Amino acid sequence: MRFYDLDLSDADLRARLDAAYARVMDSGWVVLGPELEAFEAEFAAYCGADFAVGVGNGLDALALTLRAADIGAGCEVVVPAHTFAATWLAVEMAGARPVPVEVDPVTYTMGADAVTAALTPRTAAILPVSLYGHPVDMDPLRRLADERGLFLLEDAAQSHGALYRGRRTGGLAHATAFSFYPTKNLGALGDGGAVVTSDAALAERLRMLRNYGSRRKYAHETAGVNSRLDELQAAFLRERLKDLDGANGKRRRLAALYDQALSPAPGLIRPAEAPWARHAWHLYVVRSGRRDALQAALADAGIETLIHYPIACHRQPAFAHLGHREGDFPLAERLADEVLSLPLWPGMPEGDVAVVADRIVQVLGAHDALAEGAP
């Protein structure tokens, strides 16, 4: 059983993607054209914001937004200790220093109390991550940011369509960065990203930064980069956006089935959903003290799983210069040792959930029985 399937065999979707391809080919535009403009408007409206700026990938969405907000050398940005490395890398790409804090052990997102304790006179921004599809508790962070004059940038690379107190991810922070990597809830057929904001000046600066620092050809106002969401991917994303809420509903159904089927598994920690949240279920992530043995047993049964993420950021060689040591963030280290992502995608047969869950219950139950029988 595969961990994820792009599920491009659906006849209706294929027909719409083929038509999107034809629109681009017929238009003569391949970069910064009408498909991108249309997608930006549609995605901004979906998120409840005024603007969206398409860029080359999710990492650039984060890094360019920090640059657009004048966050760079000498600045500190508070980040979660448990996240994908791109969150930290973006801060360093902007020239600033990531300052990690532990996440909430239930939602795996960082909260205002942890952020407050990490603030210094050099803090310029807060960069929470809606990890695995669960939204951040954003209102306290927004109040904190506004009170302290800090920039609030949400990393929503895994939470397209998630809801926070009835509002969609993307309209809650000063800016929100998305990735459209193919396996995301809203995925392109290649790399892509976008920044969503209601700040007109920030959006204009982002448009300039993504295009060589230029607002008009060959006139370069700043040291920008080449990071543009191309016309073809924008056209594909316009079609996939129409399906996003329905696909997320299918993910929720599969997650609910997992919750029920895994309830008898001894010692297994299932993912939770806060009462104010509507999880997008980008990933269904369980925790087990026997994670490695469990993953091996599932692999033996032909079930593919992944680990998001096996090495905590502060223990990555790429961030050794920050001076963090093993033990500095014990929860992040424990999560790296325990988390396991189970197969889940919108077109996954519901019966596959029972196959995965039955194997997990069997493996953990057998270990539990052995432990009880030990002298």
Protein backbone atom coordinates (compact mmCIF):
# COMPACT_ATOMS: atom_id res chain seq x y z
CA MET A 1 0.00 0.00 0.00
CA ARG A 2 1.47 3.35 -1.06
CA PHE A 3 1.72 6.22 1.40
CA TYR A 4 0.18 8.65 -1.09
CA ASP A 5 -1.24 8.55 -4.59
CA LEU A 6 -1.70 11.68 -6.70
CA ASP A 7 -4.88 10.01 -7.96
CA LEU A 8 -4.77 11.60 -11.42
CA SER A 9 -6.81 8.81 -12.97
CA ASP A 10 -10.13 10.56 -12.25
CA ALA A 11 -11.62 11.18 -15.69
CA ASP A 12 -13.25 14.51 -14.84
CA LEU A 13 -10.07 15.89 -13.26
CA ARG A 14 -7.93 14.73 -16.17
CA ALA A 15 -10.28 16.41 -18.62
CA ARG A 16 -10.14 19.67 -16.69
CA LEU A 17 -6.34 19.54 -16.39
CA ASP A 18 -6.08 18.83 -20.12
CA ALA A 19 -8.28 21.83 -20.80
CA ALA A 20 -6.14 23.98 -18.50
CA TYR A 21 -3.04 22.88 -20.40
CA ALA A 22 -4.71 23.79 -23.68
CA ARG A 23 -5.66 27.25 -22.36
CA VAL A 24 -2.04 27.99 -21.56
CA MET A 25 -0.77 26.66 -24.88
CA ASP A 26 -3.35 28.65 -26.79
CA SER A 27 -2.72 31.85 -24.84
CA GLY A 28 0.96 32.23 -25.68
CA TRP A 29 1.68 33.22 -22.07
CA VAL A 30 4.00 31.03 -19.98
CA VAL A 31 5.08 33.38 -17.14
CA LEU A 32 3.26 36.21 -15.32
CA GLY A 33 0.15 35.97 -17.46
CA PRO A 34 -3.63 35.74 -17.13
CA GLU A 35 -3.74 32.28 -15.52
CA LEU A 36 -1.53 33.44 -12.66
CA GLU A 37 -3.55 36.62 -12.22
CA ALA A 38 -6.78 34.62 -12.11
CA PHE A 39 -5.42 32.06 -9.68
CA GLU A 40 -4.05 34.75 -7.38
CA ALA A 41 -7.44 36.45 -7.24
CA GLU A 42 -9.31 33.17 -6.71
CA PHE A 43 -6.97 31.86 -4.03
CA ALA A 44 -6.93 35.17 -2.14
CA ALA A 45 -10.73 35.19 -2.13
CA TYR A 46 -10.81 31.56 -0.97
CA CYS A 47 -8.54 32.42 1.97
CA GLY A 48 -10.48 35.55 2.89
CA ALA A 49 -7.65 37.94 2.02
CA ASP A 50 -7.15 40.73 -0.51
CA PHE A 51 -4.06 39.57 -2.35
CA ALA A 52 -2.12 36.45 -3.30
CA VAL A 53 1.33 36.49 -4.90
CA GLY A 54 2.42 33.31 -6.67
CA VAL A 55 6.06 32.27 -6.25
CA GLY A 56 8.23 29.32 -7.16
CA ASN A 57 7.83 27.21 -4.01
CA GLY A 58 6.87 27.28 -0.35
CA LEU A 59 10.38 28.05 0.91
CA ASP A 60 10.56 31.14 -1.28
CA ALA A 61 7.10 32.14 -0.08
CA LEU A 62 8.44 32.29 3.47
CA ALA A 63 11.85 33.81 2.77
CA LEU A 64 10.64 36.47 0.34
CA THR A 65 7.87 37.53 2.72
CA LEU A 66 10.38 38.06 5.51
CA ARG A 67 12.51 40.14 3.13
CA ALA A 68 9.47 42.08 2.01
CA ALA A 69 8.78 42.91 5.66
CA ASP A 70 12.38 44.17 6.09
CA ILE A 71 13.34 41.34 8.41
CA GLY A 72 17.00 40.43 8.00
CA ALA A 73 20.41 40.76 9.62
CA GLY A 74 20.26 41.45 13.35
CA CYS A 75 16.63 40.28 13.61
CA GLU A 76 15.30 37.27 15.49
CA VAL A 77 12.28 35.26 14.36
CA VAL A 78 10.48 32.94 16.77
CA VAL A 79 9.86 29.52 15.18
CA PRO A 80 8.59 26.14 16.39
CA ALA A 81 11.21 23.60 17.40
CA HIS A 82 9.19 20.83 15.75
CA THR A 83 8.64 21.61 12.07
CA PHE A 84 10.04 20.94 8.61
CA ALA A 85 13.48 22.49 8.11
CA ALA A 86 12.14 24.95 5.53
CA THR A 87 10.66 27.09 8.32
CA TRP A 88 14.10 27.65 9.83
CA LEU A 89 15.86 27.81 6.44
CA ALA A 90 13.62 30.67 5.32
CA VAL A 91 14.61 32.74 8.33
CA GLU A 92 18.29 32.20 7.57
CA MET A 93 17.76 32.93 3.87
CA ALA A 94 16.40 36.33 4.92
CA GLY A 95 19.53 36.89 7.02
CA ALA A 96 17.77 36.65 10.39
CA ARG A 97 18.19 34.18 13.26
CA PRO A 98 15.58 31.51 14.08
CA VAL A 99 14.72 31.30 17.79
CA PRO A 100 12.94 27.99 18.48
CA VAL A 101 10.29 27.24 21.09
CA GLU A 102 8.56 24.00 21.99
CA VAL A 103 5.17 23.25 20.47
CA ASP A 104 1.95 22.24 22.18
CA PRO A 105 2.09 18.46 22.75
CA VAL A 106 -1.47 17.96 21.49
CA THR A 107 -1.78 20.17 18.39
CA TYR A 108 1.98 20.29 17.56
CA THR A 109 1.70 24.05 16.99
CA MET A 110 3.33 26.82 18.99
CA GLY A 111 1.35 29.03 21.33
CA ALA A 112 1.50 32.60 22.56
CA ASP A 113 2.90 31.75 26.02
CA ALA A 114 5.92 29.96 24.58
CA VAL A 115 6.49 32.78 22.11
CA THR A 116 6.22 35.46 24.80
CA ALA A 117 8.90 33.74 26.87
CA ALA A 118 11.26 33.78 23.87
CA LEU A 119 10.92 37.47 22.97
CA THR A 120 14.00 39.71 23.14
CA PRO A 121 14.71 43.27 21.99
CA ARG A 122 15.89 41.73 18.68
CA THR A 123 12.66 39.84 17.97
CA ALA A 124 11.13 41.13 14.74
CA ALA A 125 8.72 38.39 13.71
CA ILE A 126 6.74 35.35 14.79
CA LEU A 127 6.55 32.41 12.39
CA PRO A 128 4.01 29.80 13.56
CA VAL A 129 3.39 26.62 11.56
CA SER A 130 0.00 24.97 11.07
CA LEU A 131 1.65 21.57 11.12
CA TYR A 132 0.15 18.42 9.58
CA GLY A 133 -2.98 20.41 8.72
CA HIS A 134 -3.96 21.58 12.22
CA PRO A 135 -4.31 25.39 12.37
CA VAL A 136 -2.41 27.48 14.88
CA ASP A 137 -4.29 29.21 17.73
CA MET A 138 -3.81 32.46 15.86
CA ASP A 139 -5.80 35.12 17.74
CA PRO A 140 -3.48 35.25 20.80
CA LEU A 141 -0.45 35.39 18.50
CA ARG A 142 -2.01 38.20 16.45
CA ARG A 143 -2.71 40.20 19.62
CA LEU A 144 0.84 39.64 20.82
CA ALA A 145 2.30 40.65 17.47
CA ASP A 146 0.20 43.79 17.24
CA GLU A 147 0.96 44.80 20.84
CA ARG A 148 4.73 44.36 20.38
CA GLY A 149 4.97 45.66 16.82
CA LEU A 150 6.04 42.28 15.43
CA PHE A 151 5.42 40.79 12.00
CA LEU A 152 3.24 37.65 12.06
CA LEU A 153 3.85 35.24 9.20
CA GLU A 154 2.04 31.91 9.17
CA ASP A 155 3.62 28.88 7.53
CA ALA A 156 0.53 27.17 6.11
CA ALA A 157 2.32 24.83 3.72
CA GLN A 158 0.28 21.92 5.13
CA SER A 159 -3.05 23.52 5.98
CA HIS A 160 -4.84 24.62 2.80
CA GLY A 161 -8.50 24.91 3.67
CA ALA A 162 -8.10 24.42 7.43
CA LEU A 163 -10.45 26.48 9.60
CA TYR A 164 -9.67 28.48 12.73
CA ARG A 165 -12.79 29.64 14.59
CA GLY A 166 -14.69 29.45 11.30
CA ARG A 167 -12.08 31.39 9.31
CA ARG A 168 -9.85 29.83 6.69
CA THR A 169 -6.11 29.64 7.08
CA GLY A 170 -4.61 32.42 4.99
CA GLY A 171 -6.55 35.37 6.33
CA LEU A 172 -5.41 35.30 9.96
CA ALA A 173 -1.84 36.64 10.04
CA HIS A 174 -0.15 39.67 8.48
CA ALA A 175 0.84 37.24 5.74
CA THR A 176 0.54 33.52 5.12
CA ALA A 177 2.88 31.36 3.06
CA PHE A 178 1.67 28.29 1.17
CA SER A 179 3.40 25.49 -0.71
CA PHE A 180 1.77 23.78 -3.69
CA TYR A 181 4.07 20.77 -3.79
CA PRO A 182 2.13 17.95 -5.53
CA THR A 183 1.26 16.03 -2.34
CA LYS A 184 -0.18 19.06 -0.53
CA ASN A 185 -3.93 19.41 0.00
CA LEU A 186 -3.81 21.93 -2.84
CA GLY A 187 -1.05 20.57 -5.04
CA ALA A 188 0.34 21.53 -8.43
CA LEU A 189 2.01 19.13 -10.84
CA GLY A 190 5.40 20.49 -9.87
CA ASP A 191 6.75 23.01 -7.39
CA GLY A 192 4.85 26.16 -6.57
CA GLY A 193 3.97 28.49 -3.73
CA ALA A 194 2.11 31.66 -2.83
CA VAL A 195 1.86 34.36 -0.20
CA VAL A 196 -1.56 35.58 0.88
CA THR A 197 -2.00 38.95 2.58
CA SER A 198 -4.32 41.95 2.86
CA ASP A 199 -1.36 44.35 3.00
CA ALA A 200 -1.20 46.04 -0.41
CA ALA A 201 2.32 47.41 0.09
CA LEU A 202 3.65 44.02 1.16
CA ALA A 203 2.02 42.34 -1.85
CA GLU A 204 3.55 44.88 -4.22
CA ARG A 205 7.01 44.39 -2.73
CA LEU A 206 6.63 40.61 -3.04
CA ARG A 207 5.71 40.94 -6.72
CA MET A 208 8.89 42.92 -7.23
CA LEU A 209 11.13 40.57 -5.23
CA ARG A 210 9.90 37.46 -7.08
CA ASN A 211 10.72 39.08 -10.44
CA TYR A 212 14.37 40.10 -10.15
CA GLY A 213 13.47 43.11 -8.01
CA SER A 214 11.69 44.64 -10.96
CA ARG A 215 8.29 46.19 -11.50
CA ARG A 216 9.00 46.93 -15.15
CA LYS A 217 11.34 45.11 -17.47
CA TYR A 218 15.06 45.84 -17.03
CA ALA A 219 14.45 48.34 -14.22
CA HIS A 220 15.69 46.67 -10.99
CA GLU A 221 14.81 48.52 -7.81
CA THR A 222 16.20 45.96 -5.38
CA ALA A 223 18.13 42.70 -5.34
CA GLY A 224 15.29 40.33 -6.14
CA VAL A 225 15.23 36.72 -7.28
CA ASN A 226 13.57 34.63 -9.97
CA SER A 227 10.72 32.86 -8.17
CA ARG A 228 7.52 32.93 -10.19
CA LEU A 229 4.58 30.55 -10.22
CA ASP A 230 4.34 29.75 -13.91
CA GLU A 231 1.21 29.90 -16.02
CA LEU A 232 0.83 26.14 -16.42
CA GLN A 233 0.96 25.42 -12.70
CA ALA A 234 -1.38 28.33 -12.02
CA ALA A 235 -3.87 26.90 -14.52
CA PHE A 236 -3.66 23.46 -12.90
CA LEU A 237 -4.09 24.99 -9.44
CA ARG A 238 -7.21 26.84 -10.54
CA GLU A 239 -8.79 23.47 -11.31
CA ARG A 240 -7.53 21.80 -8.14
CA LEU A 241 -8.81 24.69 -6.01
CA LYS A 242 -12.36 23.88 -7.14
CA ASP A 243 -11.97 20.44 -5.55
CA LEU A 244 -10.16 21.45 -2.36
CA ASP A 245 -13.05 21.52 0.09
CA GLY A 246 -14.43 18.25 -1.22
CA ALA A 247 -11.01 16.60 -1.04
CA ASN A 248 -10.52 17.86 2.50
CA GLY A 249 -13.89 16.37 3.41
CA LYS A 250 -12.68 12.99 2.19
CA ARG A 251 -9.53 13.40 4.27
CA ARG A 252 -11.67 14.12 7.34
CA ARG A 253 -13.71 10.99 6.73
CA LEU A 254 -10.57 8.85 6.51
CA ALA A 255 -9.13 10.46 9.63
CA ALA A 256 -12.34 9.71 11.54
CA LEU A 257 -12.15 6.08 10.41
CA TYR A 258 -8.54 5.90 11.59
CA ASP A 259 -9.53 7.38 14.96
CA GLN A 260 -12.14 4.70 15.49
CA ALA A 261 -10.13 1.77 14.18
CA LEU A 262 -6.97 2.68 16.12
CA SER A 263 -8.67 3.24 19.47
CA PRO A 264 -7.82 -0.29 20.71
CA ALA A 265 -4.08 0.08 19.91
CA PRO A 266 -2.24 0.07 23.26
CA GLY A 267 0.13 2.96 23.85
CA LEU A 268 -0.63 4.65 20.53
CA ILE A 269 -1.21 8.42 20.62
CA ARG A 270 -3.64 9.48 17.91
CA PRO A 271 -3.75 13.02 16.51
CA ALA A 272 -6.19 15.44 18.10
CA GLU A 273 -8.28 18.36 16.91
CA ALA A 274 -8.76 21.42 19.13
CA PRO A 275 -12.41 22.50 19.61
CA TRP A 276 -11.73 25.78 17.78
CA ALA A 277 -10.11 24.04 14.81
CA ARG A 278 -11.10 22.20 11.68
CA HIS A 279 -8.09 20.09 10.76
CA ALA A 280 -7.19 19.85 7.06
CA TRP A 281 -5.63 16.38 7.61
CA HIS A 282 -2.68 16.88 5.33
CA LEU A 283 -1.12 14.08 7.36
CA TYR A 284 -2.48 11.58 9.86
CA VAL A 285 0.36 11.38 12.39
CA VAL A 286 0.39 8.93 15.29
CA ARG A 287 2.96 8.56 18.05
CA SER A 288 4.45 5.42 19.55
CA GLY A 289 7.40 4.66 21.78
CA ARG A 290 7.94 1.69 19.48
CA ARG A 291 7.78 3.76 16.30
CA ASP A 292 10.69 2.16 14.46
CA ALA A 293 9.53 -1.40 15.15
CA LEU A 294 5.98 -0.45 14.19
CA GLN A 295 7.13 1.11 10.93
CA ALA A 296 9.19 -1.99 10.13
CA ALA A 297 6.22 -4.27 10.82
CA LEU A 298 3.99 -2.18 8.55
CA ALA A 299 6.63 -2.28 5.82
CA ASP A 300 6.76 -6.07 6.12
CA ALA A 301 3.01 -6.06 5.49
CA GLY A 302 3.49 -3.93 2.38
CA ILE A 303 2.26 -0.71 4.00
CA GLU A 304 4.33 2.39 3.29
CA THR A 305 4.65 5.03 6.03
CA LEU A 306 6.77 8.16 6.44
CA ILE A 307 8.24 10.10 9.36
CA HIS A 308 7.54 13.85 9.57
CA TYR A 309 10.23 14.51 10.86
CA PRO A 310 12.95 12.11 12.09
CA ILE A 311 15.58 14.69 13.13
CA ALA A 312 14.67 17.76 15.16
CA CYS A 313 15.78 20.99 13.50
CA HIS A 314 18.12 21.99 16.33
CA ARG A 315 20.00 18.72 15.81
CA GLN A 316 20.41 19.16 12.05
CA PRO A 317 23.97 19.91 10.86
CA ALA A 318 22.59 22.81 8.82
CA PHE A 319 21.76 24.64 12.06
CA ALA A 320 24.77 23.62 14.17
CA HIS A 321 26.05 27.21 14.07
CA LEU A 322 23.07 28.29 16.19
CA GLY A 323 24.65 26.52 19.15
CA HIS A 324 21.75 24.35 20.30
CA ARG A 325 22.55 21.03 21.95
CA GLU A 326 20.81 17.73 22.42
CA GLY A 327 18.34 18.07 25.26
CA ASP A 328 17.60 21.75 24.66
CA PHE A 329 14.16 20.92 23.23
CA PRO A 330 13.15 17.56 24.72
CA LEU A 331 9.63 17.49 23.32
CA ALA A 332 10.87 18.16 19.79
CA GLU A 333 13.41 15.37 20.21
CA ARG A 334 10.78 13.00 21.56
CA LEU A 335 8.43 13.78 18.69
CA ALA A 336 11.24 13.06 16.23
CA ASP A 337 11.63 9.65 17.85
CA GLU A 338 7.91 8.82 18.03
CA VAL A 339 5.89 10.32 15.14
CA LEU A 340 4.72 8.16 12.25
CA SER A 341 2.58 9.30 9.32
CA LEU A 342 0.06 6.76 8.04
CA PRO A 343 -1.23 6.51 4.46
CA LEU A 344 -3.91 9.10 3.69
CA TRP A 345 -5.05 10.83 0.50
CA PRO A 346 -8.48 11.86 -0.76
CA GLY A 347 -8.91 8.89 -3.12
CA MET A 348 -7.68 6.29 -0.64
CA PRO A 349 -10.17 3.40 -0.34
CA GLU A 350 -11.83 3.43 3.07
CA GLY A 351 -11.11 -0.28 3.44
CA ASP A 352 -7.38 0.48 3.42
CA VAL A 353 -7.78 2.27 6.74
CA ALA A 354 -8.93 -0.98 8.36
CA VAL A 355 -5.98 -2.86 6.85
CA VAL A 356 -3.48 -0.37 8.28
CA ALA A 357 -5.22 -0.09 11.64
CA ASP A 358 -5.61 -3.84 12.09
CA ARG A 359 -1.89 -4.33 11.55
CA ILE A 360 -1.03 -1.59 14.05
CA VAL A 361 -3.39 -2.99 16.69
CA GLN A 362 -1.95 -6.45 16.11
CA VAL A 363 1.69 -5.35 16.40
CA LEU A 364 1.25 -3.14 19.45
CA GLY A 365 -1.12 -5.61 21.10
CA ALA A 366 1.39 -8.44 20.69
CA HIS A 367 4.13 -6.32 22.22
CA ASP A 368 1.85 -5.35 25.09
CA ALA A 369 1.04 -9.01 25.76
CA LEU A 370 4.74 -9.92 25.77
CA ALA A 371 5.49 -7.12 28.19
CA GLU A 372 2.76 -8.28 30.58
CA GLY A 373 4.10 -11.83 30.49
CA ALA A 374 7.71 -10.86 31.19
CA PRO A 375 9.06 -12.03 34.55
